[in-house]
C-alpha atoms as a PDB file:
ATOM      1  CA  UNK A   1     196.409  83.579  48.330  1.00  0.00           C
ATOM      2  CA  UNK A   2     195.704  79.930  47.562  1.00  0.00           C
ATOM      3  CA  UNK A   3     195.889  77.053  49.988  1.00  0.00           C
ATOM      4  CA  UNK A   4     196.383  73.470  49.588  1.00  0.00           C
ATOM      5  CA  UNK A   5     194.085  70.554  51.240  1.00  0.00           C
ATOM      6  CA  UNK A   6     195.396  69.779  54.408  1.00  0.00           C
ATOM      7  CA  UNK A   7     197.422  66.398  54.667  1.00  0.00           C
ATOM      8  CA  UNK A   8     197.128  64.652  57.997  1.00  0.00           C
ATOM      9  CA  UNK A   9     199.280  62.389  59.896  1.00  0.00           C
ATOM     10  CA  UNK A  10     198.160  58.928  61.286  1.00  0.00           C
ATOM     11  CA  UNK A  11     197.353  59.866  64.587  1.00  0.00           C
ATOM     12  CA  UNK A  12     195.331  62.983  63.263  1.00  0.00           C
ATOM     13  CA  UNK A  13     196.670  65.561  65.346  1.00  0.00           C
ATOM     14  CA  UNK A  14     199.122  67.358  63.004  1.00  0.00           C
ATOM     15  CA  UNK A  15     198.180  68.792  59.539  1.00  0.00           C
ATOM     16  CA  UNK A  16     200.457  70.278  56.862  1.00  0.00           C
ATOM     17  CA  UNK A  17     199.128  72.499  54.097  1.00  0.00           C
ATOM     18  CA  UNK A  18     200.780  75.026  51.636  1.00  0.00           C
ATOM     19  CA  UNK A  19     199.663  78.556  51.234  1.00  0.00           C
ATOM     20  CA  UNK A  20     200.936  80.319  48.061  1.00  0.00           C
ATOM     21  CA  UNK A  21     200.582  84.020  48.033  1.00  0.00           C
ATOM     22  CA  UNK A  22     199.807  86.011  44.812  1.00  0.00           C
ATOM     23  CA  UNK A  23     203.005  88.024  45.155  1.00  0.00           C
ATOM     24  CA  UNK A  24     206.524  86.577  44.710  1.00  0.00           C
ATOM     25  CA  UNK A  25     208.686  85.256  47.169  1.00  0.00           C
ATOM     26  CA  UNK A  26     210.974  88.388  47.276  1.00  0.00           C
ATOM     27  CA  UNK A  27     208.189  90.827  47.491  1.00  0.00           C
ATOM     28  CA  UNK A  28     207.841  93.072  50.270  1.00  0.00           C
ATOM     29  CA  UNK A  29     203.870  91.987  50.508  1.00  0.00           C
ATOM     30  CA  UNK A  30     205.063  88.133  50.973  1.00  0.00           C
ATOM     31  CA  UNK A  31     207.303  89.371  54.016  1.00  0.00           C
ATOM     32  CA  UNK A  32     204.369  91.296  55.387  1.00  0.00           C
ATOM     33  CA  UNK A  33     201.926  88.236  55.054  1.00  0.00           C
ATOM     34  CA  UNK A  34     204.302  85.857  56.738  1.00  0.00           C
ATOM     35  CA  UNK A  35     204.456  88.398  59.626  1.00  0.00           C
ATOM     36  CA  UNK A  36     200.863  88.863  59.824  1.00  0.00           C
ATOM     37  CA  UNK A  37     200.271  85.141  59.851  1.00  0.00           C
ATOM     38  CA  UNK A  38     202.495  84.609  62.604  1.00  0.00           C
ATOM     39  CA  UNK A  39     201.193  87.635  64.566  1.00  0.00           C
ATOM     40  CA  UNK A  40     197.637  85.807  64.579  1.00  0.00           C
ATOM     41  CA  UNK A  41     199.336  82.892  66.456  1.00  0.00           C
ATOM     42  CA  UNK A  42     198.529  83.879  70.115  1.00  0.00           C
ATOM     43  CA  UNK A  43     194.845  84.928  69.450  1.00  0.00           C
ATOM     44  CA  UNK A  44     194.117  81.272  67.714  1.00  0.00           C
ATOM     45  CA  UNK A  45     195.728  79.488  70.166  1.00  0.00           C
ATOM     46  CA  UNK A  46     193.591  80.953  72.911  1.00  0.00           C
ATOM     47  CA  UNK A  47     190.448  80.530  70.758  1.00  0.00           C
ATOM     48  CA  UNK A  48     191.255  76.904  69.503  1.00  0.00           C
ATOM     49  CA  UNK A  49     193.742  75.773  71.527  1.00  0.00           C
ATOM     50  CA  UNK A  50     195.512  74.751  68.230  1.00  0.00           C
ATOM     51  CA  UNK A  51     199.193  75.889  67.285  1.00  0.00           C
ATOM     52  CA  UNK A  52     200.691  76.448  64.052  1.00  0.00           C
ATOM     53  CA  UNK A  53     204.030  77.303  62.513  1.00  0.00           C
ATOM     54  CA  UNK A  54     205.232  78.853  59.372  1.00  0.00           C
ATOM     55  CA  UNK A  55     207.972  77.255  57.278  1.00  0.00           C
ATOM     56  CA  UNK A  56     209.045  76.606  54.027  1.00  0.00           C
ATOM     57  CA  UNK A  57     211.829  78.146  51.657  1.00  0.00           C
ATOM     58  CA  UNK A  58     210.145  81.650  51.604  1.00  0.00           C
ATOM     59  CA  UNK A  59     209.612  81.911  55.500  1.00  0.00           C
ATOM     60  CA  UNK A  60     213.150  80.457  56.178  1.00  0.00           C
ATOM     61  CA  UNK A  61     214.613  83.152  53.506  1.00  0.00           C
ATOM     62  CA  UNK A  62     212.949  85.959  55.401  1.00  0.00           C
ATOM     63  CA  UNK A  63     214.182  84.755  58.711  1.00  0.00           C
ATOM     64  CA  UNK A  64     217.698  84.430  57.594  1.00  0.00           C
ATOM     65  CA  UNK A  65     217.604  87.787  56.217  1.00  0.00           C
ATOM     66  CA  UNK A  66     216.189  89.310  59.314  1.00  0.00           C
ATOM     67  CA  UNK A  67     219.081  87.641  61.392  1.00  0.00           C
ATOM     68  CA  UNK A  68     221.913  88.859  59.170  1.00  0.00           C
ATOM     69  CA  UNK A  69     220.399  92.385  59.103  1.00  0.00           C
ATOM     70  CA  UNK A  70     220.177  92.286  62.839  1.00  0.00           C
ATOM     71  CA  UNK A  71     223.915  91.168  63.025  1.00  0.00           C
ATOM     72  CA  UNK A  72     225.305  93.553  60.821  1.00  0.00           C
ATOM     73  CA  UNK A  73     225.761  96.459  62.852  1.00  0.00           C
ATOM     74  CA  UNK A  74     227.444  94.497  65.762  1.00  0.00           C
ATOM     75  CA  UNK A  75     229.382  92.867  63.143  1.00  0.00           C
ATOM     76  CA  UNK A  76     230.488  95.874  61.476  1.00  0.00           C
ATOM     77  CA  UNK A  77     231.240  97.463  64.947  1.00  0.00           C
ATOM     78  CA  UNK A  78     233.620  94.801  65.928  1.00  0.00           C
ATOM     79  CA  UNK A  79     235.524  94.808  62.683  1.00  0.00           C
ATOM     80  CA  UNK A  80     235.916  98.641  62.595  1.00  0.00           C
ATOM     81  CA  UNK A  81     236.674  98.763  66.391  1.00  0.00           C
ATOM     82  CA  UNK A  82     239.320  96.256  66.079  1.00  0.00           C
ATOM     83  CA  UNK A  83     240.844  98.018  63.057  1.00  0.00           C
ATOM     84  CA  UNK A  84     240.944 101.262  64.939  1.00  0.00           C
ATOM     85  CA  UNK A  85     242.803  99.642  67.932  1.00  0.00           C
ATOM     86  CA  UNK A  86     245.452  97.725  65.853  1.00  0.00           C
ATOM     87  CA  UNK A  87     246.283 100.913  63.728  1.00  0.00           C
ATOM     88  CA  UNK A  88     246.393 102.864  66.981  1.00  0.00           C
ATOM     89  CA  UNK A  89     249.007 100.507  68.113  1.00  0.00           C
ATOM     90  CA  UNK A  90     251.057 100.530  65.114  1.00  0.00           C
ATOM     91  CA  UNK A  91     251.066 104.163  64.122  1.00  0.00           C
ATOM     92  CA  UNK A  92     250.676 105.525  67.815  1.00  0.00           C
ATOM     93  CA  UNK A  93     248.052 107.803  66.268  1.00  0.00           C
ATOM     94  CA  UNK A  94     244.185 108.374  66.492  1.00  0.00           C
ATOM     95  CA  UNK A  95     243.454 110.330  63.292  1.00  0.00           C
ATOM     96  CA  UNK A  96     245.093 107.799  60.977  1.00  0.00           C
ATOM     97  CA  UNK A  97     243.056 104.823  61.922  1.00  0.00           C
ATOM     98  CA  UNK A  98     239.735 107.022  62.167  1.00  0.00           C
ATOM     99  CA  UNK A  99     240.474 108.272  58.380  1.00  0.00           C
ATOM    100  CA  UNK A 100     241.244 104.315  57.386  1.00  0.00           C
ATOM    101  CA  UNK A 101     237.960 103.346  58.755  1.00  0.00           C
ATOM    102  CA  UNK A 102     236.044 106.158  57.323  1.00  0.00           C
ATOM    103  CA  UNK A 103     237.413 105.271  54.207  1.00  0.00           C
ATOM    104  CA  UNK A 104     236.610 101.700  54.637  1.00  0.00           C
ATOM    105  CA  UNK A 105     233.020 102.229  55.532  1.00  0.00           C
ATOM    106  CA  UNK A 106     232.598 104.726  52.373  1.00  0.00           C
ATOM    107  CA  UNK A 107     233.742 102.138  49.985  1.00  0.00           C
ATOM    108  CA  UNK A 108     231.514  99.437  51.522  1.00  0.00           C
ATOM    109  CA  UNK A 109     228.461 101.689  51.582  1.00  0.00           C
ATOM    110  CA  UNK A 110     229.488 102.998  47.848  1.00  0.00           C
ATOM    111  CA  UNK A 111     229.509  99.249  46.468  1.00  0.00           C
ATOM    112  CA  UNK A 112     226.253  98.203  48.304  1.00  0.00           C
ATOM    113  CA  UNK A 113     224.716 101.148  46.696  1.00  0.00           C
ATOM    114  CA  UNK A 114     226.025 100.309  43.325  1.00  0.00           C
ATOM    115  CA  UNK A 115     224.845  96.469  43.585  1.00  0.00           C
ATOM    116  CA  UNK A 116     221.478  97.930  44.519  1.00  0.00           C
ATOM    117  CA  UNK A 117     221.452 100.294  41.435  1.00  0.00           C
ATOM    118  CA  UNK A 118     222.241  97.275  38.988  1.00  0.00           C
ATOM    119  CA  UNK A 119     220.996  94.116  40.640  1.00  0.00           C
ATOM    120  CA  UNK A 120     217.636  95.623  42.262  1.00  0.00           C
ATOM    121  CA  UNK A 121     216.843  98.701  40.340  1.00  0.00           C
ATOM    122  CA  UNK A 122     217.823  97.034  37.015  1.00  0.00           C
ATOM    123  CA  UNK A 123     220.305 100.103  35.605  1.00  0.00           C
ATOM    124  CA  UNK A 124     222.879  98.568  33.274  1.00  0.00           C
ATOM    125  CA  UNK A 125     221.624  95.053  34.112  1.00  0.00           C
ATOM    126  CA  UNK A 126     221.547  93.986  30.057  1.00  0.00           C
ATOM    127  CA  UNK A 127     225.465  95.217  30.176  1.00  0.00           C
ATOM    128  CA  UNK A 128     226.304  92.282  32.797  1.00  0.00           C
ATOM    129  CA  UNK A 129     223.844  89.734  31.423  1.00  0.00           C
ATOM    130  CA  UNK A 130     221.319  89.977  34.142  1.00  0.00           C
ATOM    131  CA  UNK A 131     217.973  88.676  32.982  1.00  0.00           C
ATOM    132  CA  UNK A 132     215.929  89.277  36.139  1.00  0.00           C
ATOM    133  CA  UNK A 133     216.265  91.783  39.084  1.00  0.00           C
ATOM    134  CA  UNK A 134     215.328  91.440  42.442  1.00  0.00           C
ATOM    135  CA  UNK A 135     216.629  92.320  46.179  1.00  0.00           C
ATOM    136  CA  UNK A 136     220.112  91.673  46.768  1.00  0.00           C
ATOM    137  CA  UNK A 137     220.950  88.614  48.722  1.00  0.00           C
ATOM    138  CA  UNK A 138     221.171  89.072  52.663  1.00  0.00           C
ATOM    139  CA  UNK A 139     224.783  87.648  53.022  1.00  0.00           C
ATOM    140  CA  UNK A 140     226.188  90.540  50.554  1.00  0.00           C
ATOM    141  CA  UNK A 141     226.895  92.936  53.257  1.00  0.00           C
ATOM    142  CA  UNK A 142     228.733  90.438  55.248  1.00  0.00           C
ATOM    143  CA  UNK A 143     230.961  89.149  52.149  1.00  0.00           C
ATOM    144  CA  UNK A 144     231.625  92.941  51.322  1.00  0.00           C
ATOM    145  CA  UNK A 145     232.731  93.724  55.031  1.00  0.00           C
ATOM    146  CA  UNK A 146     234.802  90.797  55.474  1.00  0.00           C
ATOM    147  CA  UNK A 147     236.785  90.685  52.339  1.00  0.00           C
ATOM    148  CA  UNK A 148     237.273  94.488  51.724  1.00  0.00           C
ATOM    149  CA  UNK A 149     238.066  95.262  55.040  1.00  0.00           C
ATOM    150  CA  UNK A 150     241.275  93.135  54.787  1.00  0.00           C
ATOM    151  CA  UNK A 151     242.245  94.739  51.621  1.00  0.00           C
ATOM    152  CA  UNK A 152     241.508  98.211  52.932  1.00  0.00           C
ATOM    153  CA  UNK A 153     243.693  97.689  56.053  1.00  0.00           C
ATOM    154  CA  UNK A 154     246.478  96.538  53.815  1.00  0.00           C
ATOM    155  CA  UNK A 155     246.515  99.605  51.530  1.00  0.00           C
ATOM    156  CA  UNK A 156     246.519 101.749  54.546  1.00  0.00           C
ATOM    157  CA  UNK A 157     249.512 100.120  56.064  1.00  0.00           C
ATOM    158  CA  UNK A 158     251.436 100.252  52.863  1.00  0.00           C
ATOM    159  CA  UNK A 159     250.745 103.955  52.261  1.00  0.00           C
ATOM    160  CA  UNK A 160     251.336 105.226  55.778  1.00  0.00           C
ATOM    161  CA  UNK A 161     254.227 102.782  56.781  1.00  0.00           C
ATOM    162  CA  UNK A 162     256.004 104.426  53.762  1.00  0.00           C
ATOM    163  CA  UNK A 163     255.152 107.887  54.761  1.00  0.00           C
ATOM    164  CA  UNK A 164     256.545 107.318  57.995  1.00  0.00           C
ATOM    165  CA  UNK A 165     259.738 105.659  56.732  1.00  0.00           C
ATOM    166  CA  UNK A 166     260.469 108.980  54.419  1.00  0.00           C
ATOM    167  CA  UNK A 167     259.908 110.965  57.700  1.00  0.00           C
ATOM    168  CA  UNK A 168     262.325 108.930  59.676  1.00  0.00           C
ATOM    169  CA  UNK A 169     264.616 109.630  56.705  1.00  0.00           C
ATOM    170  CA  UNK A 170     264.554 113.278  57.355  1.00  0.00           C
ATOM    171  CA  UNK A 171     261.840 114.729  55.048  1.00  0.00           C
ATOM    172  CA  UNK A 172     259.226 117.134  56.328  1.00  0.00           C
ATOM    173  CA  UNK A 173     255.735 116.220  56.722  1.00  0.00           C
ATOM    174  CA  UNK A 174     254.550 117.266  53.284  1.00  0.00           C
ATOM    175  CA  UNK A 175     257.613 115.702  51.466  1.00  0.00           C
ATOM    176  CA  UNK A 176     256.891 112.511  53.157  1.00  0.00           C
ATOM    177  CA  UNK A 177     253.299 112.438  52.101  1.00  0.00           C
ATOM    178  CA  UNK A 178     254.399 112.590  48.628  1.00  0.00           C
ATOM    179  CA  UNK A 179     257.198 110.507  48.790  1.00  0.00           C
ATOM    180  CA  UNK A 180     255.029 107.610  50.507  1.00  0.00           C
ATOM    181  CA  UNK A 181     252.778 107.912  47.867  1.00  0.00           C
ATOM    182  CA  UNK A 182     255.351 107.871  44.936  1.00  0.00           C
ATOM    183  CA  UNK A 183     257.042 104.446  46.186  1.00  0.00           C
ATOM    184  CA  UNK A 184     253.811 102.675  47.436  1.00  0.00           C
ATOM    185  CA  UNK A 185     251.040 103.662  45.313  1.00  0.00           C
ATOM    186  CA  UNK A 186     252.252 101.434  42.599  1.00  0.00           C
ATOM    187  CA  UNK A 187     252.147  98.351  45.257  1.00  0.00           C
ATOM    188  CA  UNK A 188     248.375  99.301  46.080  1.00  0.00           C
ATOM    189  CA  UNK A 189     247.519  99.791  42.662  1.00  0.00           C
ATOM    190  CA  UNK A 190     249.079  96.441  41.410  1.00  0.00           C
ATOM    191  CA  UNK A 191     247.311  94.695  44.233  1.00  0.00           C
ATOM    192  CA  UNK A 192     244.130  96.445  43.475  1.00  0.00           C
ATOM    193  CA  UNK A 193     243.938  95.746  39.700  1.00  0.00           C
ATOM    194  CA  UNK A 194     244.869  91.803  40.636  1.00  0.00           C
ATOM    195  CA  UNK A 195     241.892  91.629  43.066  1.00  0.00           C
ATOM    196  CA  UNK A 196     239.694  93.651  40.752  1.00  0.00           C
ATOM    197  CA  UNK A 197     240.343  91.044  37.722  1.00  0.00           C
ATOM    198  CA  UNK A 198     239.775  88.192  40.238  1.00  0.00           C
ATOM    199  CA  UNK A 199     236.458  89.500  41.157  1.00  0.00           C
ATOM    200  CA  UNK A 200     235.232  90.706  37.868  1.00  0.00           C
ATOM    201  CA  UNK A 201     235.658  86.696  36.673  1.00  0.00           C
ATOM    202  CA  UNK A 202     232.803  85.949  38.796  1.00  0.00           C
ATOM    203  CA  UNK A 203     230.595  88.451  36.575  1.00  0.00           C
ATOM    204  CA  UNK A 204     230.911  86.159  33.729  1.00  0.00           C
ATOM    205  CA  UNK A 205     229.344  83.233  35.621  1.00  0.00           C
ATOM    206  CA  UNK A 206     225.573  82.271  34.818  1.00  0.00           C
ATOM    207  CA  UNK A 207     224.358  82.307  38.260  1.00  0.00           C
ATOM    208  CA  UNK A 208     223.002  85.636  39.464  1.00  0.00           C
ATOM    209  CA  UNK A 209     224.350  85.178  43.029  1.00  0.00           C
ATOM    210  CA  UNK A 210     227.856  84.636  41.856  1.00  0.00           C
ATOM    211  CA  UNK A 211     227.702  87.733  39.456  1.00  0.00           C
ATOM    212  CA  UNK A 212     226.379  89.833  42.529  1.00  0.00           C
ATOM    213  CA  UNK A 213     229.299  88.722  44.732  1.00  0.00           C
ATOM    214  CA  UNK A 214     231.763  89.246  42.036  1.00  0.00           C
ATOM    215  CA  UNK A 215     230.330  92.650  41.003  1.00  0.00           C
ATOM    216  CA  UNK A 216     230.011  93.698  44.627  1.00  0.00           C
ATOM    217  CA  UNK A 217     233.695  92.942  45.608  1.00  0.00           C
ATOM    218  CA  UNK A 218     235.244  94.189  42.363  1.00  0.00           C
ATOM    219  CA  UNK A 219     233.559  97.634  42.691  1.00  0.00           C
ATOM    220  CA  UNK A 220     234.381  97.782  46.486  1.00  0.00           C
ATOM    221  CA  UNK A 221     237.998  97.473  45.821  1.00  0.00           C
ATOM    222  CA  UNK A 222     237.439  99.919  42.788  1.00  0.00           C
ATOM    223  CA  UNK A 223     236.239 102.472  45.138  1.00  0.00           C
ATOM    224  CA  UNK A 224     238.343 101.791  48.119  1.00  0.00           C
ATOM    225  CA  UNK A 225     241.745 101.961  45.993  1.00  0.00           C
ATOM    226  CA  UNK A 226     241.060 104.482  43.259  1.00  0.00           C
ATOM    227  CA  UNK A 227     238.348 106.820  44.647  1.00  0.00           C
ATOM    228  CA  UNK A 228     238.504 107.174  48.551  1.00  0.00           C
ATOM    229  CA  UNK A 229     242.242 106.856  48.827  1.00  0.00           C
ATOM    230  CA  UNK A 230     242.962 108.674  45.425  1.00  0.00           C
ATOM    231  CA  UNK A 231     245.016 106.004  44.477  1.00  0.00           C
ATOM    232  CA  UNK A 232     247.779 106.712  41.762  1.00  0.00           C
ATOM    233  CA  UNK A 233     246.606 110.280  41.016  1.00  0.00           C
ATOM    234  CA  UNK A 234     248.133 111.238  44.473  1.00  0.00           C
ATOM    235  CA  UNK A 235     251.561 111.569  43.139  1.00  0.00           C
ATOM    236  CA  UNK A 236     252.536 115.071  43.415  1.00  0.00           C
ATOM    237  CA  UNK A 237     252.243 118.121  45.661  1.00  0.00           C
ATOM    238  CA  UNK A 238     248.459 117.883  45.632  1.00  0.00           C
ATOM    239  CA  UNK A 239     248.813 114.586  47.545  1.00  0.00           C
ATOM    240  CA  UNK A 240     249.886 116.570  50.945  1.00  0.00           C
ATOM    241  CA  UNK A 241     246.539 118.605  50.661  1.00  0.00           C
ATOM    242  CA  UNK A 242     244.324 115.804  49.980  1.00  0.00           C
ATOM    243  CA  UNK A 243     245.752 113.651  52.836  1.00  0.00           C
ATOM    244  CA  UNK A 244     245.855 116.351  55.511  1.00  0.00           C
ATOM    245  CA  UNK A 245     244.920 114.364  58.416  1.00  0.00           C
ATOM    246  CA  UNK A 246     247.627 111.740  57.368  1.00  0.00           C
ATOM    247  CA  UNK A 247     250.048 114.511  57.273  1.00  0.00           C
ATOM    248  CA  UNK A 248     249.456 115.889  60.502  1.00  0.00           C
ATOM    249  CA  UNK A 249     250.004 112.328  62.104  1.00  0.00           C
ATOM    250  CA  UNK A 250     252.828 111.239  59.932  1.00  0.00           C
ATOM    251  CA  UNK A 251     254.706 114.302  60.411  1.00  0.00           C
ATOM    252  CA  UNK A 252     254.456 114.503  64.116  1.00  0.00           C
ATOM    253  CA  UNK A 253     257.720 114.428  66.203  1.00  0.00           C
ATOM    254  CA  UNK A 254     258.817 110.918  67.142  1.00  0.00           C
ATOM    255  CA  UNK A 255     257.938 110.530  71.023  1.00  0.00           C
ATOM    256  CA  UNK A 256     261.511 109.388  71.827  1.00  0.00           C
ATOM    257  CA  UNK A 257     263.141 112.018  70.040  1.00  0.00           C
ATOM    258  CA  UNK A 258     260.905 114.542  72.007  1.00  0.00           C
ATOM    259  CA  UNK A 259     261.927 113.234  75.286  1.00  0.00           C
ATOM    260  CA  UNK A 260     265.716 113.501  73.804  1.00  0.00           C
ATOM    261  CA  UNK A 261     264.905 117.051  73.092  1.00  0.00           C
ATOM    262  CA  UNK A 262     265.836 116.436  69.345  1.00  0.00           C
ATOM    263  CA  UNK A 263     264.741 114.837  66.095  1.00  0.00           C
ATOM    264  CA  UNK A 264     264.779 111.026  65.563  1.00  0.00           C
ATOM    265  CA  UNK A 265     268.299 109.874  64.676  1.00  0.00           C
ATOM    266  CA  UNK A 266     268.909 109.396  60.915  1.00  0.00           C
ATOM    267  CA  UNK A 267     269.770 105.612  60.094  1.00  0.00           C
ATOM    268  CA  UNK A 268     272.931 104.645  58.608  1.00  0.00           C
ATOM    269  CA  UNK A 269     273.692 104.892  54.934  1.00  0.00           C
ATOM    270  CA  UNK A 270     272.434 102.139  53.005  1.00  0.00           C
ATOM    271  CA  UNK A 271     269.743 101.067  55.579  1.00  0.00           C
ATOM    272  CA  UNK A 272     265.892 101.367  55.808  1.00  0.00           C
ATOM    273  CA  UNK A 273     264.096 102.259  58.794  1.00  0.00           C
ATOM    274  CA  UNK A 274     260.640 100.937  59.718  1.00  0.00           C
END
């Protein structure tokens, strides 16, 4: 590590100097060095009555990353918790919100893993025009959670609402699952393809940060719409097996009908029930 000569103010009681480590700003050893210097502050103050602070671009980035990492778990808990409560109110179910939240978490984790694989470890980096790899930006998980959450919940509402509609029209649980996918999967697939195309447009930009955000969001939508939810491929009898948790909830008797001792009344011909 090299240290520049100190520059004093006019009063001579404050000095500023620059310490440059031999490692890069994104290296783990640089982060350890900053923590070590700050840890020596109390001992130096006791011995010399002098105080110091560590600042600069590298130190600020380290502090911001630490704050974001500390806030990620509470932020994720609030987002997922509110989603579970909202879906419980809408669908009067427990398993459907839990399934939706689990699928959302899986898609976010998978997309973060792919971003690390490409942008940090360098696999397939040349394919996306990435010249230099490094740690992913600290705000990347926040972007993924915030944006992908809205899309994932939309997909879930589209699918399960159509299943419920089919069940109200008189189909049994297995038929309602298949019919729901048959009619709503097109909407989910179209919406997912549009969002993937939008986010993929950022991958062609020159800035590595923009590339990272676009790649992360595009891969998250891809995982959520086509891998976690099995997307368009669920049109068929196998859908009832793959979505057994949803079937158990959607096919449950209507509470009002149960109290009346019969099935839900069928809507008049030509009308759609929601």
